[in-house]
């Protein structure tokens, strides 16, 4: 079964249809997604700015991480759950949206960045905990994080626009390919 057929099947399920057509539930989930995004990205920015030495310079990095990471994780969990529900409500259009695909690619890169930071850089936090500016590897991770999360927010917002929807033809072949559009040649 192709991914597009899977998305079409998801779109035809009763819960997907009910969620998409709901007058109150879909907007509530969307609003919760945005609020969780604000919590997660806001705290992530604070942590990144601490690593860059721009805020909380007198606070040990380990303390900033210990106090903010639980809230950051909670924001991420709520954001991920509501994001999956938003996708489930409109799977075909979302799956074929270039901005969604860019967002997912950046989410994967952001996840890799977080994993590298926590598995390598944070393990040696005792060496640089009290330094007002973190070591180069931590600063690079912070800059990458800031860039990726800014891009994720912008790409996520752009999903709502249909500039490149598959039902808009003609489009350049690259757009059709990038969005996974199935275009019949006549």
N, C-alpha and C. Protein backbone atom coordinates (compact mmCIF):
# COMPACT_ATOMS: atom_id res chain seq x y z
N UNK A 1 0.86 -1.18 0.00
CA UNK A 1 0.00 0.00 0.00
C UNK A 1 0.90 1.24 0.00
N UNK A 2 0.64 2.15 -0.92
CA UNK A 2 1.44 3.37 -0.98
C UNK A 2 1.04 4.31 0.15
N UNK A 3 1.94 5.24 0.44
CA UNK A 3 1.64 6.22 1.50
C UNK A 3 0.42 7.06 1.16
N UNK A 4 0.29 7.43 -0.11
CA UNK A 4 -0.87 8.24 -0.50
C UNK A 4 -2.16 7.45 -0.29
N UNK A 5 -2.16 6.18 -0.63
CA UNK A 5 -3.36 5.35 -0.41
C UNK A 5 -3.65 5.23 1.10
N UNK A 6 -2.59 5.12 1.89
CA UNK A 6 -2.77 5.08 3.34
C UNK A 6 -3.41 6.39 3.84
N UNK A 7 -2.95 7.52 3.31
CA UNK A 7 -3.53 8.81 3.70
C UNK A 7 -4.98 8.91 3.27
N UNK A 8 -5.29 8.40 2.08
CA UNK A 8 -6.67 8.40 1.60
C UNK A 8 -7.55 7.53 2.50
N UNK A 9 -7.01 6.39 2.92
CA UNK A 9 -7.77 5.52 3.82
C UNK A 9 -8.00 6.23 5.16
N UNK A 10 -6.93 6.85 5.71
CA UNK A 10 -7.09 7.58 6.97
C UNK A 10 -8.17 8.65 6.85
N UNK A 11 -8.15 9.38 5.73
CA UNK A 11 -9.11 10.47 5.53
C UNK A 11 -10.54 9.96 5.46
N UNK A 12 -10.72 8.70 5.08
CA UNK A 12 -12.06 8.15 4.95
C UNK A 12 -12.59 7.53 6.24
N UNK A 13 -11.78 7.49 7.29
CA UNK A 13 -12.25 6.90 8.54
C UNK A 13 -13.21 7.86 9.24
N UNK A 14 -14.13 7.29 9.98
CA UNK A 14 -15.13 8.12 10.68
C UNK A 14 -14.50 9.14 11.64
N UNK A 15 -13.53 8.72 12.47
CA UNK A 15 -12.95 9.71 13.39
C UNK A 15 -12.25 10.87 12.65
N UNK A 16 -11.58 10.57 11.54
CA UNK A 16 -10.91 11.64 10.78
C UNK A 16 -11.94 12.62 10.23
N UNK A 17 -12.99 12.09 9.66
CA UNK A 17 -14.04 12.94 9.10
C UNK A 17 -14.69 13.76 10.22
N UNK A 18 -15.01 13.11 11.33
CA UNK A 18 -15.65 13.81 12.45
C UNK A 18 -14.75 14.92 12.98
N UNK A 19 -13.46 14.62 13.10
CA UNK A 19 -12.52 15.62 13.62
C UNK A 19 -12.41 16.80 12.67
N UNK A 20 -12.29 16.51 11.39
CA UNK A 20 -12.15 17.58 10.39
C UNK A 20 -13.41 18.45 10.31
N UNK A 21 -14.55 17.84 10.44
CA UNK A 21 -15.80 18.58 10.30
C UNK A 21 -16.32 19.15 11.61
N UNK A 22 -15.64 18.89 12.71
CA UNK A 22 -16.10 19.36 14.01
C UNK A 22 -16.04 20.89 14.09
N UNK A 23 -17.11 21.44 14.61
CA UNK A 23 -17.18 22.89 14.76
C UNK A 23 -16.31 23.39 15.91
N UNK A 24 -16.14 22.56 16.95
CA UNK A 24 -15.41 22.99 18.14
C UNK A 24 -14.12 22.22 18.41
N UNK A 25 -14.11 20.93 18.14
CA UNK A 25 -12.97 20.10 18.53
C UNK A 25 -11.72 20.44 17.72
N UNK A 26 -11.85 20.53 16.39
CA UNK A 26 -10.68 20.84 15.56
C UNK A 26 -10.05 22.18 15.96
N UNK A 27 -10.83 23.25 16.09
CA UNK A 27 -10.22 24.52 16.52
C UNK A 27 -9.61 24.45 17.92
N UNK A 28 -10.22 23.66 18.81
CA UNK A 28 -9.67 23.49 20.15
C UNK A 28 -8.31 22.78 20.09
N UNK A 29 -8.23 21.73 19.28
CA UNK A 29 -6.95 21.01 19.12
C UNK A 29 -5.91 21.93 18.49
N UNK A 30 -6.32 22.67 17.48
CA UNK A 30 -5.39 23.60 16.82
C UNK A 30 -4.88 24.66 17.79
N UNK A 31 -5.77 25.20 18.60
CA UNK A 31 -5.37 26.21 19.60
C UNK A 31 -4.45 25.62 20.65
N UNK A 32 -4.75 24.40 21.10
CA UNK A 32 -3.90 23.72 22.07
C UNK A 32 -2.51 23.47 21.47
N UNK A 33 -2.47 23.12 20.19
CA UNK A 33 -1.20 22.90 19.51
C UNK A 33 -0.36 24.18 19.51
N UNK A 34 -0.99 25.29 19.21
CA UNK A 34 -0.27 26.57 19.18
C UNK A 34 0.19 26.97 20.59
N UNK A 35 -0.64 26.77 21.60
CA UNK A 35 -0.25 27.10 22.98
C UNK A 35 0.92 26.22 23.44
N UNK A 36 0.86 24.92 23.13
CA UNK A 36 1.95 24.02 23.50
C UNK A 36 3.22 24.39 22.74
N UNK A 37 3.07 24.78 21.49
CA UNK A 37 4.21 25.24 20.70
C UNK A 37 4.84 26.46 21.35
N UNK A 38 4.00 27.38 21.82
CA UNK A 38 4.52 28.57 22.50
C UNK A 38 5.29 28.21 23.75
N UNK A 39 4.77 27.29 24.54
CA UNK A 39 5.46 26.84 25.75
C UNK A 39 6.78 26.18 25.39
N UNK A 40 6.73 25.22 24.48
CA UNK A 40 7.93 24.47 24.11
C UNK A 40 8.99 25.38 23.49
N UNK A 41 8.61 26.11 22.45
CA UNK A 41 9.60 26.94 21.74
C UNK A 41 10.09 28.08 22.64
N UNK A 42 9.20 28.66 23.43
CA UNK A 42 9.62 29.74 24.33
C UNK A 42 10.68 29.29 25.31
N UNK A 43 10.47 28.13 25.92
CA UNK A 43 11.46 27.62 26.87
C UNK A 43 12.72 27.14 26.17
N UNK A 44 12.56 26.58 24.97
CA UNK A 44 13.73 26.16 24.20
C UNK A 44 14.60 27.37 23.85
N UNK A 45 13.97 28.46 23.48
CA UNK A 45 14.72 29.69 23.16
C UNK A 45 15.47 30.17 24.40
N UNK A 46 14.84 30.13 25.56
CA UNK A 46 15.53 30.55 26.79
C UNK A 46 16.75 29.67 27.04
N UNK A 47 16.58 28.35 26.91
CA UNK A 47 17.72 27.44 27.11
C UNK A 47 18.82 27.70 26.08
N UNK A 48 18.44 27.90 24.83
CA UNK A 48 19.44 28.18 23.79
C UNK A 48 20.17 29.50 24.07
N UNK A 49 19.43 30.50 24.48
CA UNK A 49 20.06 31.79 24.79
C UNK A 49 20.97 31.67 26.01
N UNK A 50 20.63 30.80 26.95
CA UNK A 50 21.52 30.56 28.10
C UNK A 50 22.82 29.92 27.61
N UNK A 51 22.71 28.95 26.71
CA UNK A 51 23.91 28.30 26.17
C UNK A 51 24.78 29.29 25.41
N UNK A 52 24.14 30.27 24.78
CA UNK A 52 24.89 31.30 24.05
C UNK A 52 25.44 32.38 24.96
N UNK A 53 25.05 32.35 26.23
CA UNK A 53 25.53 33.34 27.18
C UNK A 53 24.84 34.68 27.09
N UNK A 54 23.62 34.69 26.55
CA UNK A 54 22.90 35.96 26.38
C UNK A 54 21.88 36.22 27.47
N UNK A 55 21.45 35.18 28.19
CA UNK A 55 20.51 35.34 29.31
C UNK A 55 20.94 34.39 30.43
N UNK A 56 20.49 34.67 31.63
CA UNK A 56 20.73 33.81 32.79
C UNK A 56 22.21 33.44 32.97
N UNK A 57 23.08 34.38 32.73
CA UNK A 57 24.53 34.10 32.78
C UNK A 57 25.00 33.64 34.16
N UNK A 58 24.31 34.06 35.20
CA UNK A 58 24.73 33.68 36.56
C UNK A 58 24.10 32.37 37.03
N UNK A 59 23.21 31.85 36.24
CA UNK A 59 22.54 30.59 36.59
C UNK A 59 23.34 29.43 36.00
N UNK A 60 23.73 28.47 36.81
CA UNK A 60 24.44 27.31 36.26
C UNK A 60 23.62 26.64 35.16
N UNK A 61 24.29 26.23 34.12
CA UNK A 61 23.59 25.60 32.99
C UNK A 61 22.80 24.38 33.44
N UNK A 62 23.37 23.60 34.36
CA UNK A 62 22.67 22.40 34.83
C UNK A 62 21.37 22.77 35.55
N UNK A 63 21.38 23.88 36.28
CA UNK A 63 20.16 24.31 36.98
C UNK A 63 19.11 24.80 35.99
N UNK A 64 19.53 25.56 34.99
CA UNK A 64 18.58 26.03 33.96
C UNK A 64 17.96 24.83 33.25
N UNK A 65 18.80 23.87 32.89
CA UNK A 65 18.30 22.66 32.22
C UNK A 65 17.35 21.88 33.13
N UNK A 66 17.73 21.70 34.38
CA UNK A 66 16.91 20.92 35.32
C UNK A 66 15.55 21.57 35.55
N UNK A 67 15.52 22.89 35.62
CA UNK A 67 14.25 23.58 35.90
C UNK A 67 13.35 23.71 34.67
N UNK A 68 13.96 23.90 33.49
CA UNK A 68 13.15 24.17 32.31
C UNK A 68 12.83 22.93 31.47
N UNK A 69 13.70 21.93 31.48
CA UNK A 69 13.47 20.75 30.63
C UNK A 69 12.17 20.01 30.92
N UNK A 70 11.75 19.84 32.19
CA UNK A 70 10.46 19.15 32.39
C UNK A 70 9.29 19.87 31.72
N UNK A 71 9.28 21.19 31.80
CA UNK A 71 8.23 21.98 31.16
C UNK A 71 8.36 21.93 29.64
N UNK A 72 9.59 21.93 29.16
CA UNK A 72 9.84 21.84 27.72
C UNK A 72 9.34 20.49 27.20
N UNK A 73 9.64 19.43 27.94
CA UNK A 73 9.19 18.09 27.53
C UNK A 73 7.66 18.01 27.53
N UNK A 74 7.04 18.57 28.55
CA UNK A 74 5.57 18.55 28.62
C UNK A 74 4.98 19.30 27.42
N UNK A 75 5.53 20.45 27.11
CA UNK A 75 5.06 21.21 25.95
C UNK A 75 5.23 20.42 24.67
N UNK A 76 6.35 19.73 24.56
CA UNK A 76 6.60 18.93 23.35
C UNK A 76 5.60 17.79 23.23
N UNK A 77 5.32 17.10 24.33
CA UNK A 77 4.38 15.97 24.29
C UNK A 77 3.00 16.45 23.85
N UNK A 78 2.51 17.53 24.44
CA UNK A 78 1.20 18.06 24.07
C UNK A 78 1.22 18.52 22.62
N UNK A 79 2.29 19.19 22.22
CA UNK A 79 2.43 19.67 20.84
C UNK A 79 2.44 18.49 19.86
N UNK A 80 3.14 17.41 20.19
CA UNK A 80 3.21 16.25 19.30
C UNK A 80 1.85 15.55 19.19
N UNK A 81 1.17 15.38 20.31
CA UNK A 81 -0.14 14.71 20.28
C UNK A 81 -1.14 15.52 19.45
N UNK A 82 -1.20 16.82 19.71
CA UNK A 82 -2.14 17.65 18.96
C UNK A 82 -1.73 17.75 17.49
N UNK A 83 -0.44 17.73 17.21
CA UNK A 83 0.02 17.75 15.82
C UNK A 83 -0.41 16.51 15.07
N UNK A 84 -0.30 15.35 15.71
CA UNK A 84 -0.75 14.11 15.09
C UNK A 84 -2.26 14.16 14.83
N UNK A 85 -3.02 14.70 15.78
CA UNK A 85 -4.47 14.82 15.59
C UNK A 85 -4.81 15.77 14.45
N UNK A 86 -4.07 16.87 14.34
CA UNK A 86 -4.30 17.80 13.24
C UNK A 86 -4.00 17.12 11.90
N UNK A 87 -2.94 16.35 11.86
CA UNK A 87 -2.61 15.60 10.64
C UNK A 87 -3.72 14.59 10.33
N UNK A 88 -4.17 13.89 11.35
CA UNK A 88 -5.20 12.86 11.18
C UNK A 88 -6.50 13.45 10.65
N UNK A 89 -6.80 14.68 10.98
CA UNK A 89 -8.03 15.31 10.53
C UNK A 89 -8.01 15.59 9.02
N UNK A 90 -6.83 15.88 8.48
CA UNK A 90 -6.72 16.22 7.05
C UNK A 90 -5.47 15.55 6.49
N UNK A 91 -5.42 14.23 6.46
CA UNK A 91 -4.16 13.56 6.11
C UNK A 91 -3.70 13.73 4.67
N UNK A 92 -4.59 13.67 3.70
CA UNK A 92 -4.15 13.75 2.30
C UNK A 92 -3.60 15.13 1.98
N UNK A 93 -4.37 16.16 2.30
CA UNK A 93 -3.92 17.53 2.00
C UNK A 93 -2.63 17.85 2.76
N UNK A 94 -2.55 17.42 4.01
CA UNK A 94 -1.35 17.70 4.80
C UNK A 94 -0.15 16.93 4.25
N UNK A 95 -0.34 15.66 3.95
CA UNK A 95 0.75 14.83 3.43
C UNK A 95 1.30 15.40 2.13
N UNK A 96 0.43 15.98 1.31
CA UNK A 96 0.86 16.52 0.02
C UNK A 96 1.22 18.00 0.09
N UNK A 97 1.43 18.52 1.27
CA UNK A 97 1.77 19.93 1.43
C UNK A 97 3.29 20.08 1.55
N UNK A 98 3.87 20.87 0.69
CA UNK A 98 5.32 21.07 0.69
C UNK A 98 5.80 21.60 2.03
N UNK A 99 5.06 22.53 2.62
CA UNK A 99 5.47 23.11 3.89
C UNK A 99 5.44 22.08 5.01
N UNK A 100 4.48 21.17 4.96
CA UNK A 100 4.44 20.08 5.95
C UNK A 100 5.69 19.22 5.81
N UNK A 101 6.06 18.92 4.60
CA UNK A 101 7.24 18.08 4.37
C UNK A 101 8.52 18.78 4.83
N UNK A 102 8.60 20.07 4.60
CA UNK A 102 9.75 20.85 5.09
C UNK A 102 9.76 20.84 6.61
N UNK A 103 8.59 21.02 7.21
CA UNK A 103 8.48 21.02 8.67
C UNK A 103 8.93 19.69 9.25
N UNK A 104 8.50 18.58 8.65
CA UNK A 104 8.88 17.26 9.15
C UNK A 104 10.39 17.07 9.02
N UNK A 105 10.96 17.49 7.90
CA UNK A 105 12.41 17.36 7.72
C UNK A 105 13.16 18.16 8.79
N UNK A 106 12.69 19.37 9.07
CA UNK A 106 13.34 20.18 10.10
C UNK A 106 13.12 19.60 11.49
N UNK A 107 11.96 18.99 11.74
CA UNK A 107 11.72 18.33 13.02
C UNK A 107 12.70 17.17 13.23
N UNK A 108 12.96 16.43 12.18
CA UNK A 108 13.93 15.33 12.27
C UNK A 108 15.31 15.89 12.59
N UNK A 109 15.70 16.95 11.89
CA UNK A 109 17.01 17.58 12.16
C UNK A 109 17.07 18.14 13.58
N UNK A 110 15.97 18.76 14.03
CA UNK A 110 15.94 19.29 15.40
C UNK A 110 16.06 18.17 16.42
N UNK A 111 15.40 17.05 16.16
CA UNK A 111 15.50 15.90 17.05
C UNK A 111 16.92 15.35 17.10
N UNK A 112 17.57 15.30 15.95
CA UNK A 112 18.96 14.86 15.90
C UNK A 112 19.86 15.83 16.67
N UNK A 113 19.61 17.11 16.53
CA UNK A 113 20.38 18.12 17.25
C UNK A 113 20.21 17.96 18.77
N UNK A 114 18.98 17.74 19.22
CA UNK A 114 18.71 17.53 20.65
C UNK A 114 19.43 16.28 21.14
N UNK A 115 19.33 15.20 20.36
CA UNK A 115 19.97 13.95 20.75
C UNK A 115 21.49 14.14 20.87
N UNK A 116 22.09 14.80 19.89
CA UNK A 116 23.54 15.03 19.95
C UNK A 116 23.92 15.89 21.15
N UNK A 117 23.13 16.91 21.43
CA UNK A 117 23.42 17.78 22.57
C UNK A 117 23.36 16.98 23.88
N UNK A 118 22.26 16.25 24.08
CA UNK A 118 22.09 15.54 25.35
C UNK A 118 23.02 14.34 25.48
N UNK A 119 23.38 13.70 24.38
CA UNK A 119 24.23 12.51 24.46
C UNK A 119 25.72 12.84 24.51
N UNK A 120 26.08 14.03 24.06
CA UNK A 120 27.52 14.35 24.01
C UNK A 120 27.87 15.59 24.83
N UNK A 121 27.25 16.69 24.54
CA UNK A 121 27.64 17.97 25.14
C UNK A 121 27.20 18.07 26.60
N UNK A 122 25.94 17.75 26.86
CA UNK A 122 25.41 17.89 28.21
C UNK A 122 26.08 16.94 29.20
N UNK A 123 26.56 15.83 28.72
CA UNK A 123 27.23 14.87 29.61
C UNK A 123 28.44 15.47 30.31
N UNK A 124 29.05 16.48 29.70
CA UNK A 124 30.23 17.12 30.29
C UNK A 124 29.88 18.47 30.91
N UNK A 125 28.61 18.66 31.29
CA UNK A 125 28.16 19.95 31.81
C UNK A 125 28.93 20.35 33.07
N UNK A 126 29.40 19.40 33.84
CA UNK A 126 30.15 19.72 35.06
C UNK A 126 31.41 20.54 34.75
N UNK A 127 31.98 20.35 33.57
CA UNK A 127 33.18 21.08 33.18
C UNK A 127 32.91 22.56 32.88
N UNK A 128 31.70 22.88 32.43
CA UNK A 128 31.40 24.25 32.01
C UNK A 128 30.14 24.81 32.65
N UNK A 129 29.65 24.15 33.68
CA UNK A 129 28.39 24.50 34.31
C UNK A 129 28.29 25.95 34.75
N UNK A 130 29.35 26.48 35.34
CA UNK A 130 29.31 27.84 35.89
C UNK A 130 29.81 28.89 34.91
N UNK A 131 30.28 28.48 33.76
CA UNK A 131 30.76 29.45 32.77
C UNK A 131 29.58 30.23 32.22
N UNK A 132 29.73 31.55 32.10
CA UNK A 132 28.62 32.34 31.57
C UNK A 132 28.29 31.99 30.12
N UNK A 133 29.29 31.51 29.39
CA UNK A 133 29.08 31.09 28.00
C UNK A 133 29.51 29.63 27.89
N UNK A 134 28.67 28.83 27.31
CA UNK A 134 28.93 27.39 27.17
C UNK A 134 30.03 27.15 26.13
N UNK A 135 30.59 25.95 26.08
CA UNK A 135 31.61 25.64 25.07
C UNK A 135 31.04 25.71 23.65
N UNK A 136 31.94 25.71 22.71
CA UNK A 136 31.57 25.89 21.30
C UNK A 136 30.51 24.88 20.84
N UNK A 137 30.65 23.61 21.20
CA UNK A 137 29.69 22.59 20.76
C UNK A 137 28.27 22.91 21.27
N UNK A 138 28.16 23.39 22.48
CA UNK A 138 26.85 23.75 23.03
C UNK A 138 26.29 24.98 22.32
N UNK A 139 27.15 25.94 22.02
CA UNK A 139 26.70 27.15 21.32
C UNK A 139 26.24 26.82 19.90
N UNK A 140 26.97 25.92 19.24
CA UNK A 140 26.57 25.51 17.88
C UNK A 140 25.21 24.81 17.95
N UNK A 141 25.02 23.93 18.92
CA UNK A 141 23.73 23.25 19.08
C UNK A 141 22.62 24.26 19.33
N UNK A 142 22.91 25.30 20.11
CA UNK A 142 21.91 26.33 20.41
C UNK A 142 21.53 27.12 19.16
N UNK A 143 22.52 27.49 18.35
CA UNK A 143 22.24 28.24 17.13
C UNK A 143 21.44 27.38 16.15
N UNK A 144 21.84 26.13 16.01
CA UNK A 144 21.11 25.21 15.12
C UNK A 144 19.67 25.07 15.61
N UNK A 145 19.50 24.93 16.90
CA UNK A 145 18.16 24.81 17.48
C UNK A 145 17.32 26.05 17.18
N UNK A 146 17.88 27.22 17.39
CA UNK A 146 17.13 28.46 17.13
C UNK A 146 16.72 28.56 15.66
N UNK A 147 17.62 28.24 14.77
CA UNK A 147 17.32 28.31 13.33
C UNK A 147 16.24 27.29 12.96
N UNK A 148 16.42 26.06 13.42
CA UNK A 148 15.46 25.02 13.07
C UNK A 148 14.07 25.31 13.63
N UNK A 149 13.99 25.74 14.89
CA UNK A 149 12.67 25.98 15.46
C UNK A 149 11.99 27.20 14.85
N UNK A 150 12.76 28.19 14.46
CA UNK A 150 12.16 29.32 13.72
C UNK A 150 11.60 28.81 12.39
N UNK A 151 12.36 27.97 11.71
CA UNK A 151 11.90 27.40 10.45
C UNK A 151 10.69 26.51 10.61
N UNK A 152 10.67 25.72 11.68
CA UNK A 152 9.54 24.83 11.94
C UNK A 152 8.27 25.64 12.19
N UNK A 153 8.38 26.70 12.95
CA UNK A 153 7.21 27.55 13.22
C UNK A 153 6.70 28.18 11.93
N UNK A 154 7.59 28.71 11.12
CA UNK A 154 7.18 29.34 9.85
C UNK A 154 6.58 28.29 8.91
N UNK A 155 7.24 27.15 8.75
CA UNK A 155 6.71 26.11 7.86
C UNK A 155 5.35 25.61 8.37
N UNK A 156 5.22 25.45 9.68
CA UNK A 156 3.94 25.02 10.25
C UNK A 156 2.83 26.01 9.96
N UNK A 157 3.15 27.27 10.05
CA UNK A 157 2.14 28.30 9.76
C UNK A 157 1.76 28.29 8.28
N UNK A 158 2.73 28.02 7.42
CA UNK A 158 2.50 28.05 5.98
C UNK A 158 1.66 26.86 5.50
N UNK A 159 1.54 25.82 6.31
CA UNK A 159 0.75 24.66 5.92
C UNK A 159 -0.69 25.06 5.58
N UNK A 160 -1.19 26.08 6.24
CA UNK A 160 -2.57 26.51 6.03
C UNK A 160 -2.83 27.09 4.65
N UNK A 161 -1.78 27.49 3.95
CA UNK A 161 -1.96 28.13 2.64
C UNK A 161 -1.84 27.09 1.53
N UNK A 162 -2.61 27.28 0.48
CA UNK A 162 -2.68 26.26 -0.56
C UNK A 162 -1.99 26.68 -1.86
N UNK A 163 -0.90 27.39 -1.75
CA UNK A 163 -0.20 27.85 -2.94
C UNK A 163 0.21 26.72 -3.85
N UNK A 164 0.53 25.57 -3.26
CA UNK A 164 1.07 24.46 -4.04
C UNK A 164 0.23 23.20 -3.89
N UNK A 165 -1.07 23.33 -3.61
CA UNK A 165 -1.91 22.14 -3.48
C UNK A 165 -1.91 21.36 -4.79
N UNK A 166 -2.04 20.05 -4.66
CA UNK A 166 -1.99 19.18 -5.83
C UNK A 166 -3.14 19.42 -6.80
N UNK A 167 -4.26 19.96 -6.31
CA UNK A 167 -5.38 20.20 -7.22
C UNK A 167 -5.23 21.50 -8.01
N UNK A 168 -4.16 22.23 -7.76
CA UNK A 168 -3.88 23.44 -8.53
C UNK A 168 -2.91 23.05 -9.64
N UNK A 169 -3.38 23.06 -10.85
CA UNK A 169 -2.54 22.69 -11.99
C UNK A 169 -2.69 23.77 -13.05
N UNK A 170 -1.75 24.05 -13.88
CA UNK A 170 -0.45 23.38 -13.93
C UNK A 170 0.51 23.97 -12.90
N UNK A 171 1.40 23.14 -12.45
CA UNK A 171 2.48 23.54 -11.54
C UNK A 171 3.78 23.00 -12.12
N UNK A 172 4.89 23.59 -11.72
CA UNK A 172 6.17 23.03 -12.17
C UNK A 172 6.32 21.58 -11.72
N UNK A 173 7.02 20.80 -12.51
CA UNK A 173 7.23 19.39 -12.19
C UNK A 173 7.87 19.21 -10.82
N UNK A 174 8.79 20.11 -10.47
CA UNK A 174 9.45 20.01 -9.16
C UNK A 174 8.45 20.11 -8.03
N UNK A 175 7.49 21.02 -8.14
CA UNK A 175 6.46 21.20 -7.11
C UNK A 175 5.62 19.94 -7.01
N UNK A 176 5.20 19.40 -8.15
CA UNK A 176 4.42 18.16 -8.14
C UNK A 176 5.21 17.03 -7.49
N UNK A 177 6.48 16.92 -7.80
CA UNK A 177 7.32 15.88 -7.22
C UNK A 177 7.48 16.09 -5.71
N UNK A 178 7.81 17.33 -5.30
CA UNK A 178 8.06 17.62 -3.88
C UNK A 178 6.82 17.41 -3.02
N UNK A 179 5.66 17.69 -3.59
CA UNK A 179 4.42 17.54 -2.84
C UNK A 179 3.83 16.13 -2.95
N UNK A 180 4.42 15.31 -3.80
CA UNK A 180 3.90 13.96 -3.98
C UNK A 180 2.61 13.92 -4.77
N UNK A 181 2.40 14.93 -5.61
CA UNK A 181 1.18 14.99 -6.42
C UNK A 181 1.20 13.90 -7.47
N UNK A 182 0.05 13.32 -7.68
CA UNK A 182 -0.12 12.36 -8.78
C UNK A 182 -0.79 13.13 -9.89
N UNK A 183 -0.05 13.34 -10.97
CA UNK A 183 -0.55 14.15 -12.08
C UNK A 183 -0.62 13.26 -13.30
N UNK A 184 -1.79 13.24 -13.91
CA UNK A 184 -1.93 12.42 -15.12
C UNK A 184 -1.39 13.21 -16.31
N UNK A 185 -0.67 12.54 -17.15
CA UNK A 185 -0.14 13.20 -18.36
C UNK A 185 -1.13 12.99 -19.49
N UNK A 186 -1.50 14.08 -20.11
CA UNK A 186 -2.50 13.99 -21.21
C UNK A 186 -1.86 14.40 -22.48
